[in-house]
Structures are given as structure tokens and as C-alpha cells.
Amino acid sequence: QNVEEADAIGFGRAADGTNFPTLYLSGNVGGVAGIFRSTDAGASWTRINDDAHQFGAISRLSGDPRIFGRVYLATSGRGVIYGDPFK
């Protein structure tokens, strides 16, 4: 999967069994716009939002350094949003 556009990128707690931080990206990967996560240093990306959950322009993005999977989004005009992975 190629990253074609990165509007915002951030780092968060590493996934269990890995030695590098989780990467979060707001942009375009493989021809799809969205919010993505990589647990393998950017070799592959998983979209973590869907078409029903769009947040407008993302001005900043960061993963939580203590909680794997939690991501914070600073939107343009919609405040700060955070999300956790589905269990």
C-alpha cells in the first residue's frame, strides 16, 4: 500500500510484540482517503475510520503514548476527538 498523501502524521504506543511506535496518518493510502494506522513501521496500513465517520479536515493527529490504539484528532472547527480500537 502506497502512501500518496499525508496531511498529518503522529506516533503512539507500540503494539504488543513490536519495538517501534505505532504510526497514525490522515491522508490517502492506496487511493483511499481516511485515517490509517501502521504497526509495522509503515510497511502496511489499516484504515481505522470508515465512510460513515468522517471528521472534516484533520489539522493534527497523535497516538496515545500509554494506550495502544488510542488516537487523538484535532479537527478544523469540530474540536478534538479521540477513538479507541474495537475490542
PDB file of N, CA and C in Angstrom:
ATOM      1  N   GLN A   1       0.850  -1.179   0.000  1.00  0.00           N
ATOM      2  CA  GLN A   1       0.000   0.000   0.000  1.00  0.00           C
ATOM      3  C   GLN A   1       0.889   1.234   0.000  1.00  0.00           C
ATOM      4  N   ASN A   2       0.694   2.076  -0.962  1.00  0.00           N
ATOM      5  CA  ASN A   2       1.485   3.291  -1.048  1.00  0.00           C
ATOM      6  C   ASN A   2       0.779   4.452  -0.378  1.00  0.00           C
ATOM      7  N   VAL A   3       1.532   5.224   0.389  1.00  0.00           N
ATOM      8  CA  VAL A   3       1.021   6.480   0.939  1.00  0.00           C
ATOM      9  C   VAL A   3       1.163   7.525  -0.153  1.00  0.00           C
ATOM     10  N   GLU A   4       0.038   8.044  -0.602  1.00  0.00           N
ATOM     11  CA  GLU A   4       0.050   9.034  -1.668  1.00  0.00           C
ATOM     12  C   GLU A   4      -0.009  10.458  -1.143  1.00  0.00           C
ATOM     13  N   GLU A   5      -0.582  10.619   0.048  1.00  0.00           N
ATOM     14  CA  GLU A   5      -0.701  11.945   0.645  1.00  0.00           C
ATOM     15  C   GLU A   5      -0.773  11.799   2.147  1.00  0.00           C
ATOM     16  N   ALA A   6      -0.037  12.633   2.866  1.00  0.00           N
ATOM     17  CA  ALA A   6      -0.073  12.643   4.327  1.00  0.00           C
ATOM     18  C   ALA A   6      -0.359  14.060   4.787  1.00  0.00           C
ATOM     19  N   ASP A   7      -1.576  14.293   5.259  1.00  0.00           N
ATOM     20  CA  ASP A   7      -1.949  15.609   5.767  1.00  0.00           C
ATOM     21  C   ASP A   7      -1.477  15.798   7.205  1.00  0.00           C
ATOM     22  N   ALA A   8      -1.467  14.707   7.975  1.00  0.00           N
ATOM     23  CA  ALA A   8      -1.000  14.737   9.356  1.00  0.00           C
ATOM     24  C   ALA A   8      -0.488  13.340   9.698  1.00  0.00           C
ATOM     25  N   ILE A   9       0.569  13.288  10.504  1.00  0.00           N
ATOM     26  CA  ILE A   9       1.117  12.002  10.928  1.00  0.00           C
ATOM     27  C   ILE A   9       1.503  12.104  12.397  1.00  0.00           C
ATOM     28  N   GLY A  10       1.319  11.014  13.128  1.00  0.00           N
ATOM     29  CA  GLY A  10       1.649  11.003  14.547  1.00  0.00           C
ATOM     30  C   GLY A  10       2.116   9.629  14.975  1.00  0.00           C
ATOM     31  N   PHE A  11       2.588   9.556  16.222  1.00  0.00           N
ATOM     32  CA  PHE A  11       3.137   8.330  16.783  1.00  0.00           C
ATOM     33  C   PHE A  11       2.399   7.980  18.063  1.00  0.00           C
ATOM     34  N   GLY A  12       2.288   6.689  18.352  1.00  0.00           N
ATOM     35  CA  GLY A  12       1.645   6.235  19.572  1.00  0.00           C
ATOM     36  C   GLY A  12       2.342   5.009  20.123  1.00  0.00           C
ATOM     37  N   ARG A  13       1.800   4.488  21.196  1.00  0.00           N
ATOM     38  CA  ARG A  13       2.383   3.321  21.859  1.00  0.00           C
ATOM     39  C   ARG A  13       2.525   2.164  20.874  1.00  0.00           C
ATOM     40  N   ALA A  14       3.626   1.462  20.983  1.00  0.00           N
ATOM     41  CA  ALA A  14       3.881   0.298  20.135  1.00  0.00           C
ATOM     42  C   ALA A  14       2.879  -0.815  20.426  1.00  0.00           C
ATOM     43  N   ALA A  15       2.564  -1.578  19.406  1.00  0.00           N
ATOM     44  CA  ALA A  15       1.723  -2.763  19.578  1.00  0.00           C
ATOM     45  C   ALA A  15       2.511  -3.811  20.355  1.00  0.00           C
ATOM     46  N   ASP A  16       1.817  -4.671  21.073  1.00  0.00           N
ATOM     47  CA  ASP A  16       2.485  -5.752  21.790  1.00  0.00           C
ATOM     48  C   ASP A  16       3.345  -6.557  20.823  1.00  0.00           C
ATOM     49  N   GLY A  17       4.569  -6.853  21.228  1.00  0.00           N
ATOM     50  CA  GLY A  17       5.458  -7.671  20.416  1.00  0.00           C
ATOM     51  C   GLY A  17       6.257  -6.897  19.380  1.00  0.00           C
ATOM     52  N   THR A  18       6.112  -5.569  19.354  1.00  0.00           N
ATOM     53  CA  THR A  18       6.896  -4.757  18.417  1.00  0.00           C
ATOM     54  C   THR A  18       7.807  -3.814  19.188  1.00  0.00           C
ATOM     55  N   ASN A  19       8.826  -3.325  18.511  1.00  0.00           N
ATOM     56  CA  ASN A  19       9.802  -2.456  19.165  1.00  0.00           C
ATOM     57  C   ASN A  19       9.794  -1.039  18.635  1.00  0.00           C
ATOM     58  N   PHE A  20       8.812  -0.683  17.839  1.00  0.00           N
ATOM     59  CA  PHE A  20       8.763   0.654  17.261  1.00  0.00           C
ATOM     60  C   PHE A  20       7.372   1.230  17.476  1.00  0.00           C
ATOM     61  N   PRO A  21       7.255   2.549  17.494  1.00  0.00           N
ATOM     62  CA  PRO A  21       5.945   3.154  17.756  1.00  0.00           C
ATOM     63  C   PRO A  21       4.946   2.865  16.638  1.00  0.00           C
ATOM     64  N   THR A  22       3.677   2.892  17.010  1.00  0.00           N
ATOM     65  CA  THR A  22       2.602   2.804  16.028  1.00  0.00           C
ATOM     66  C   THR A  22       2.531   4.139  15.294  1.00  0.00           C
ATOM     67  N   LEU A  23       2.345   4.097  13.989  1.00  0.00           N
ATOM     68  CA  LEU A  23       2.202   5.298  13.172  1.00  0.00           C
ATOM     69  C   LEU A  23       0.733   5.535  12.864  1.00  0.00           C
ATOM     70  N   TYR A  24       0.320   6.777  12.916  1.00  0.00           N
ATOM     71  CA  TYR A  24      -1.038   7.178  12.537  1.00  0.00           C
ATOM     72  C   TYR A  24      -0.928   8.212  11.434  1.00  0.00           C
ATOM     73  N   LEU A  25      -1.841   8.144  10.477  1.00  0.00           N
ATOM     74  CA  LEU A  25      -1.777   9.028   9.323  1.00  0.00           C
ATOM     75  C   LEU A  25      -3.170   9.441   8.899  1.00  0.00           C
ATOM     76  N   SER A  26      -3.328  10.710   8.631  1.00  0.00           N
ATOM     77  CA  SER A  26      -4.530  11.211   7.982  1.00  0.00           C
ATOM     78  C   SER A  26      -4.106  11.587   6.576  1.00  0.00           C
ATOM     79  N   GLY A  27      -4.701  10.950   5.592  1.00  0.00           N
ATOM     80  CA  GLY A  27      -4.297  11.216   4.221  1.00  0.00           C
ATOM     81  C   GLY A  27      -4.885  10.215   3.260  1.00  0.00           C
ATOM     82  N   ASN A  28      -4.077   9.849   2.262  1.00  0.00           N
ATOM     83  CA  ASN A  28      -4.535   8.976   1.190  1.00  0.00           C
ATOM     84  C   ASN A  28      -3.569   7.805   1.048  1.00  0.00           C
ATOM     85  N   VAL A  29      -4.080   6.603   1.219  1.00  0.00           N
ATOM     86  CA  VAL A  29      -3.278   5.377   1.106  1.00  0.00           C
ATOM     87  C   VAL A  29      -3.974   4.447   0.117  1.00  0.00           C
ATOM     88  N   GLY A  30      -3.250   4.022  -0.888  1.00  0.00           N
ATOM     89  CA  GLY A  30      -3.822   3.095  -1.867  1.00  0.00           C
ATOM     90  C   GLY A  30      -5.055   3.630  -2.571  1.00  0.00           C
ATOM     91  N   GLY A  31      -5.115   4.932  -2.776  1.00  0.00           N
ATOM     92  CA  GLY A  31      -6.256   5.530  -3.454  1.00  0.00           C
ATOM     93  C   GLY A  31      -7.460   5.786  -2.567  1.00  0.00           C
ATOM     94  N   VAL A  32      -7.324   5.577  -1.257  1.00  0.00           N
ATOM     95  CA  VAL A  32      -8.437   5.756  -0.317  1.00  0.00           C
ATOM     96  C   VAL A  32      -8.070   6.848   0.683  1.00  0.00           C
ATOM     97  N   ALA A  33      -8.953   7.821   0.853  1.00  0.00           N
ATOM     98  CA  ALA A  33      -8.750   8.872   1.844  1.00  0.00           C
ATOM     99  C   ALA A  33      -9.291   8.403   3.183  1.00  0.00           C
ATOM    100  N   GLY A  34      -8.556   8.679   4.262  1.00  0.00           N
ATOM    101  CA  GLY A  34      -9.030   8.285   5.579  1.00  0.00           C
ATOM    102  C   GLY A  34      -7.981   8.479   6.642  1.00  0.00           C
ATOM    103  N   ILE A  35      -8.216   7.811   7.761  1.00  0.00           N
ATOM    104  CA  ILE A  35      -7.293   7.799   8.890  1.00  0.00           C
ATOM    105  C   ILE A  35      -6.777   6.372   8.999  1.00  0.00           C
ATOM    106  N   PHE A  36      -5.459   6.225   9.069  1.00  0.00           N
ATOM    107  CA  PHE A  36      -4.816   4.922   8.986  1.00  0.00           C
ATOM    108  C   PHE A  36      -3.862   4.696  10.153  1.00  0.00           C
ATOM    109  N   ARG A  37      -3.586   3.408  10.415  1.00  0.00           N
ATOM    110  CA  ARG A  37      -2.627   3.015  11.449  1.00  0.00           C
ATOM    111  C   ARG A  37      -1.679   1.980  10.863  1.00  0.00           C
ATOM    112  N   SER A  38      -0.403   2.080  11.240  1.00  0.00           N
ATOM    113  CA  SER A  38       0.587   1.079  10.859  1.00  0.00           C
ATOM    114  C   SER A  38       1.320   0.613  12.106  1.00  0.00           C
ATOM    115  N   THR A  39       1.387  -0.699  12.282  1.00  0.00           N
ATOM    116  CA  THR A  39       2.123  -1.271  13.412  1.00  0.00           C
ATOM    117  C   THR A  39       3.426  -1.923  12.958  1.00  0.00           C
ATOM    118  N   ASP A  40       3.768  -1.748  11.668  1.00  0.00           N
ATOM    119  CA  ASP A  40       4.991  -2.372  11.138  1.00  0.00           C
ATOM    120  C   ASP A  40       5.891  -1.355  10.431  1.00  0.00           C
ATOM    121  N   ALA A  41       6.040  -0.192  11.059  1.00  0.00           N
ATOM    122  CA  ALA A  41       6.945   0.868  10.576  1.00  0.00           C
ATOM    123  C   ALA A  41       6.568   1.390   9.194  1.00  0.00           C
ATOM    124  N   GLY A  42       5.290   1.355   8.848  1.00  0.00           N
ATOM    125  CA  GLY A  42       4.820   1.917   7.596  1.00  0.00           C
ATOM    126  C   GLY A  42       4.818   0.959   6.421  1.00  0.00           C
ATOM    127  N   ALA A  43       5.158  -0.312   6.649  1.00  0.00           N
ATOM    128  CA  ALA A  43       5.138  -1.288   5.554  1.00  0.00           C
ATOM    129  C   ALA A  43       3.710  -1.574   5.085  1.00  0.00           C
ATOM    130  N   SER A  44       2.742  -1.529   6.001  1.00  0.00           N
ATOM    131  CA  SER A  44       1.338  -1.717   5.642  1.00  0.00           C
ATOM    132  C   SER A  44       0.484  -0.784   6.500  1.00  0.00           C
ATOM    133  N   TRP A  45      -0.697  -0.460   5.994  1.00  0.00           N
ATOM    134  CA  TRP A  45      -1.596   0.480   6.659  1.00  0.00           C
ATOM    135  C   TRP A  45      -2.995  -0.109   6.746  1.00  0.00           C
ATOM    136  N   THR A  46      -3.673   0.140   7.877  1.00  0.00           N
ATOM    137  CA  THR A  46      -5.052  -0.276   8.092  1.00  0.00           C
ATOM    138  C   THR A  46      -5.894   0.981   8.303  1.00  0.00           C
ATOM    139  N   ARG A  47      -6.969   1.109   7.534  1.00  0.00           N
ATOM    140  CA  ARG A  47      -7.862   2.248   7.728  1.00  0.00           C
ATOM    141  C   ARG A  47      -8.619   2.047   9.035  1.00  0.00           C
ATOM    142  N   ILE A  48      -8.656   3.087   9.879  1.00  0.00           N
ATOM    143  CA  ILE A  48      -9.312   2.958  11.183  1.00  0.00           C
ATOM    144  C   ILE A  48     -10.576   3.797  11.290  1.00  0.00           C
ATOM    145  N   ASN A  49     -10.956   4.483  10.216  1.00  0.00           N
ATOM    146  CA  ASN A  49     -12.275   5.104  10.167  1.00  0.00           C
ATOM    147  C   ASN A  49     -13.018   4.486   8.987  1.00  0.00           C
ATOM    148  N   ASP A  50     -14.246   4.901   8.782  1.00  0.00           N
ATOM    149  CA  ASP A  50     -14.995   4.415   7.629  1.00  0.00           C
ATOM    150  C   ASP A  50     -15.749   5.582   7.014  1.00  0.00           C
ATOM    151  N   ASP A  51     -16.469   5.321   5.950  1.00  0.00           N
ATOM    152  CA  ASP A  51     -17.153   6.395   5.241  1.00  0.00           C
ATOM    153  C   ASP A  51     -18.215   7.078   6.100  1.00  0.00           C
ATOM    154  N   ALA A  52     -18.746   6.394   7.100  1.00  0.00           N
ATOM    155  CA  ALA A  52     -19.762   6.980   7.971  1.00  0.00           C
ATOM    156  C   ALA A  52     -19.140   7.853   9.065  1.00  0.00           C
ATOM    157  N   HIS A  53     -17.832   7.787   9.233  1.00  0.00           N
ATOM    158  CA  HIS A  53     -17.149   8.538  10.284  1.00  0.00           C
ATOM    159  C   HIS A  53     -16.037   9.389   9.678  1.00  0.00           C
ATOM    160  N   GLN A  54     -16.440  10.498   9.105  1.00  0.00           N
ATOM    161  CA  GLN A  54     -15.518  11.486   8.550  1.00  0.00           C
ATOM    162  C   GLN A  54     -15.503  12.676   9.499  1.00  0.00           C
ATOM    163  N   PHE A  55     -14.360  13.273   9.688  1.00  0.00           N
ATOM    164  CA  PHE A  55     -14.225  14.313  10.708  1.00  0.00           C
ATOM    165  C   PHE A  55     -13.813  15.658  10.139  1.00  0.00           C
ATOM    166  N   GLY A  56     -13.973  15.856   8.840  1.00  0.00           N
ATOM    167  CA  GLY A  56     -13.548  17.112   8.231  1.00  0.00           C
ATOM    168  C   GLY A  56     -12.036  17.141   8.116  1.00  0.00           C
ATOM    169  N   ALA A  57     -11.497  18.328   7.991  1.00  0.00           N
ATOM    170  CA  ALA A  57     -10.048  18.474   7.853  1.00  0.00           C
ATOM    171  C   ALA A  57      -9.360  18.181   9.189  1.00  0.00           C
ATOM    172  N   ILE A  58      -8.393  17.284   9.171  1.00  0.00           N
ATOM    173  CA  ILE A  58      -7.620  16.947  10.360  1.00  0.00           C
ATOM    174  C   ILE A  58      -6.369  17.826  10.345  1.00  0.00           C
ATOM    175  N   SER A  59      -6.231  18.682  11.363  1.00  0.00           N
ATOM    176  CA  SER A  59      -5.068  19.569  11.393  1.00  0.00           C
ATOM    177  C   SER A  59      -3.908  18.968  12.186  1.00  0.00           C
ATOM    178  N   ARG A  60      -4.193  18.116  13.159  1.00  0.00           N
ATOM    179  CA  ARG A  60      -3.165  17.445  13.957  1.00  0.00           C
ATOM    180  C   ARG A  60      -3.673  16.053  14.310  1.00  0.00           C
ATOM    181  N   LEU A  61      -2.714  15.151  14.556  1.00  0.00           N
ATOM    182  CA  LEU A  61      -3.066  13.770  14.863  1.00  0.00           C
ATOM    183  C   LEU A  61      -1.959  13.201  15.745  1.00  0.00           C
ATOM    184  N   SER A  62      -2.314  12.447  16.782  1.00  0.00           N
ATOM    185  CA  SER A  62      -1.303  11.837  17.648  1.00  0.00           C
ATOM    186  C   SER A  62      -1.871  10.584  18.287  1.00  0.00           C
ATOM    187  N   GLY A  63      -1.031   9.574  18.415  1.00  0.00           N
ATOM    188  CA  GLY A  63      -1.406   8.392  19.175  1.00  0.00           C
ATOM    189  C   GLY A  63      -1.104   8.618  20.640  1.00  0.00           C
ATOM    190  N   ASP A  64      -1.768   7.856  21.491  1.00  0.00           N
ATOM    191  CA  ASP A  64      -1.518   7.950  22.932  1.00  0.00           C
ATOM    192  C   ASP A  64      -0.231   7.199  23.256  1.00  0.00           C
ATOM    193  N   PRO A  65       0.679   7.784  24.016  1.00  0.00           N
ATOM    194  CA  PRO A  65       1.925   7.089  24.343  1.00  0.00           C
ATOM    195  C   PRO A  65       1.756   5.964  25.370  1.00  0.00           C
ATOM    196  N   ARG A  66       0.606   5.913  26.045  1.00  0.00           N
ATOM    197  CA  ARG A  66       0.387   4.901  27.088  1.00  0.00           C
ATOM    198  C   ARG A  66      -0.610   3.814  26.695  1.00  0.00           C
ATOM    199  N   ILE A  67      -1.528   4.117  25.763  1.00  0.00           N
ATOM    200  CA  ILE A  67      -2.614   3.196  25.421  1.00  0.00           C
ATOM    201  C   ILE A  67      -2.529   2.857  23.941  1.00  0.00           C
ATOM    202  N   PHE A  68      -2.185   1.606  23.634  1.00  0.00           N
ATOM    203  CA  PHE A  68      -2.088   1.204  22.234  1.00  0.00           C
ATOM    204  C   PHE A  68      -3.440   1.356  21.542  1.00  0.00           C
ATOM    205  N   GLY A  69      -3.422   1.935  20.362  1.00  0.00           N
ATOM    206  CA  GLY A  69      -4.626   2.047  19.541  1.00  0.00           C
ATOM    207  C   GLY A  69      -5.407   3.326  19.717  1.00  0.00           C
ATOM    208  N   ARG A  70      -5.178   4.049  20.824  1.00  0.00           N
ATOM    209  CA  ARG A  70      -5.924   5.300  21.024  1.00  0.00           C
ATOM    210  C   ARG A  70      -5.273   6.387  20.181  1.00  0.00           C
ATOM    211  N   VAL A  71      -6.106   7.112  19.445  1.00  0.00           N
ATOM    212  CA  VAL A  71      -5.616   8.179  18.578  1.00  0.00           C
ATOM    213  C   VAL A  71      -6.433   9.442  18.843  1.00  0.00           C
ATOM    214  N   TYR A  72      -5.745  10.575  18.835  1.00  0.00           N
ATOM    215  CA  TYR A  72      -6.367  11.876  19.043  1.00  0.00           C
ATOM    216  C   TYR A  72      -6.336  12.648  17.724  1.00  0.00           C
ATOM    217  N   LEU A  73      -7.451  13.267  17.370  1.00  0.00           N
ATOM    218  CA  LEU A  73      -7.571  14.033  16.135  1.00  0.00           C
ATOM    219  C   LEU A  73      -7.958  15.462  16.471  1.00  0.00           C
ATOM    220  N   ALA A  74      -7.199  16.429  15.976  1.00  0.00           N
ATOM    221  CA  ALA A  74      -7.575  17.832  16.099  1.00  0.00           C
ATOM    222  C   ALA A  74      -8.187  18.239  14.767  1.00  0.00           C
ATOM    223  N   THR A  75      -9.442  18.617  14.805  1.00  0.00           N
ATOM    224  CA  THR A  75     -10.160  18.945  13.577  1.00  0.00           C
ATOM    225  C   THR A  75     -10.216  20.456  13.391  1.00  0.00           C
ATOM    226  N   SER A  76     -10.490  20.857  12.201  1.00  0.00           N
ATOM    227  CA  SER A  76     -10.656  22.281  11.913  1.00  0.00           C
ATOM    228  C   SER A  76     -12.111  22.659  12.155  1.00  0.00           C
ATOM    229  N   GLY A  77     -12.403  23.120  13.365  1.00  0.00           N
ATOM    230  CA  GLY A  77     -13.740  23.586  13.691  1.00  0.00           C
ATOM    231  C   GLY A  77     -14.636  22.593  14.401  1.00  0.00           C
ATOM    232  N   ARG A  78     -14.188  21.343  14.597  1.00  0.00           N
ATOM    233  CA  ARG A  78     -15.038  20.352  15.268  1.00  0.00           C
ATOM    234  C   ARG A  78     -14.457  19.893  16.594  1.00  0.00           C
ATOM    235  N   GLY A  79     -13.380  20.527  17.041  1.00  0.00           N
ATOM    236  CA  GLY A  79     -12.785  20.190  18.324  1.00  0.00           C
ATOM    237  C   GLY A  79     -11.806  19.042  18.228  1.00  0.00           C
ATOM    238  N   VAL A  80     -11.453  18.509  19.395  1.00  0.00           N
ATOM    239  CA  VAL A  80     -10.533  17.378  19.487  1.00  0.00           C
ATOM    240  C   VAL A  80     -11.354  16.121  19.731  1.00  0.00           C
ATOM    241  N   ILE A  81     -11.079  15.101  18.949  1.00  0.00           N
ATOM    242  CA  ILE A  81     -11.798  13.823  19.018  1.00  0.00           C
ATOM    243  C   ILE A  81     -10.776  12.743  19.331  1.00  0.00           C
ATOM    244  N   TYR A  82     -11.166  11.737  20.108  1.00  0.00           N
ATOM    245  CA  TYR A  82     -10.276  10.586  20.252  1.00  0.00           C
ATOM    246  C   TYR A  82     -11.074   9.316  20.046  1.00  0.00           C
ATOM    247  N   GLY A  83     -10.360   8.283  19.639  1.00  0.00           N
ATOM    248  CA  GLY A  83     -11.003   6.992  19.414  1.00  0.00           C
ATOM    249  C   GLY A  83     -10.125   5.869  19.877  1.00  0.00           C
ATOM    250  N   ASP A  84     -10.756   4.786  20.294  1.00  0.00           N
ATOM    251  CA  ASP A  84     -10.084   3.570  20.714  1.00  0.00           C
ATOM    252  C   ASP A  84     -10.423   2.446  19.730  1.00  0.00           C
ATOM    253  N   PRO A  85      -9.557   1.442  19.609  1.00  0.00           N
ATOM    254  CA  PRO A  85      -9.866   0.342  18.701  1.00  0.00           C
ATOM    255  C   PRO A  85     -11.036  -0.484  19.225  1.00  0.00           C
ATOM    256  N   PHE A  86     -11.735  -1.133  18.295  1.00  0.00           N
ATOM    257  CA  PHE A  86     -12.808  -2.051  18.706  1.00  0.00           C
ATOM    258  C   PHE A  86     -12.188  -3.238  19.412  1.00  0.00           C
ATOM    259  N   LYS A  87     -12.856  -3.691  20.431  1.00  0.00           N
ATOM    260  CA  LYS A  87     -12.362  -4.849  21.203  1.00  0.00           C
ATOM    261  C   LYS A  87     -12.961  -6.109  20.655  1.00  0.00           C
TER     262      LYS A  87
END
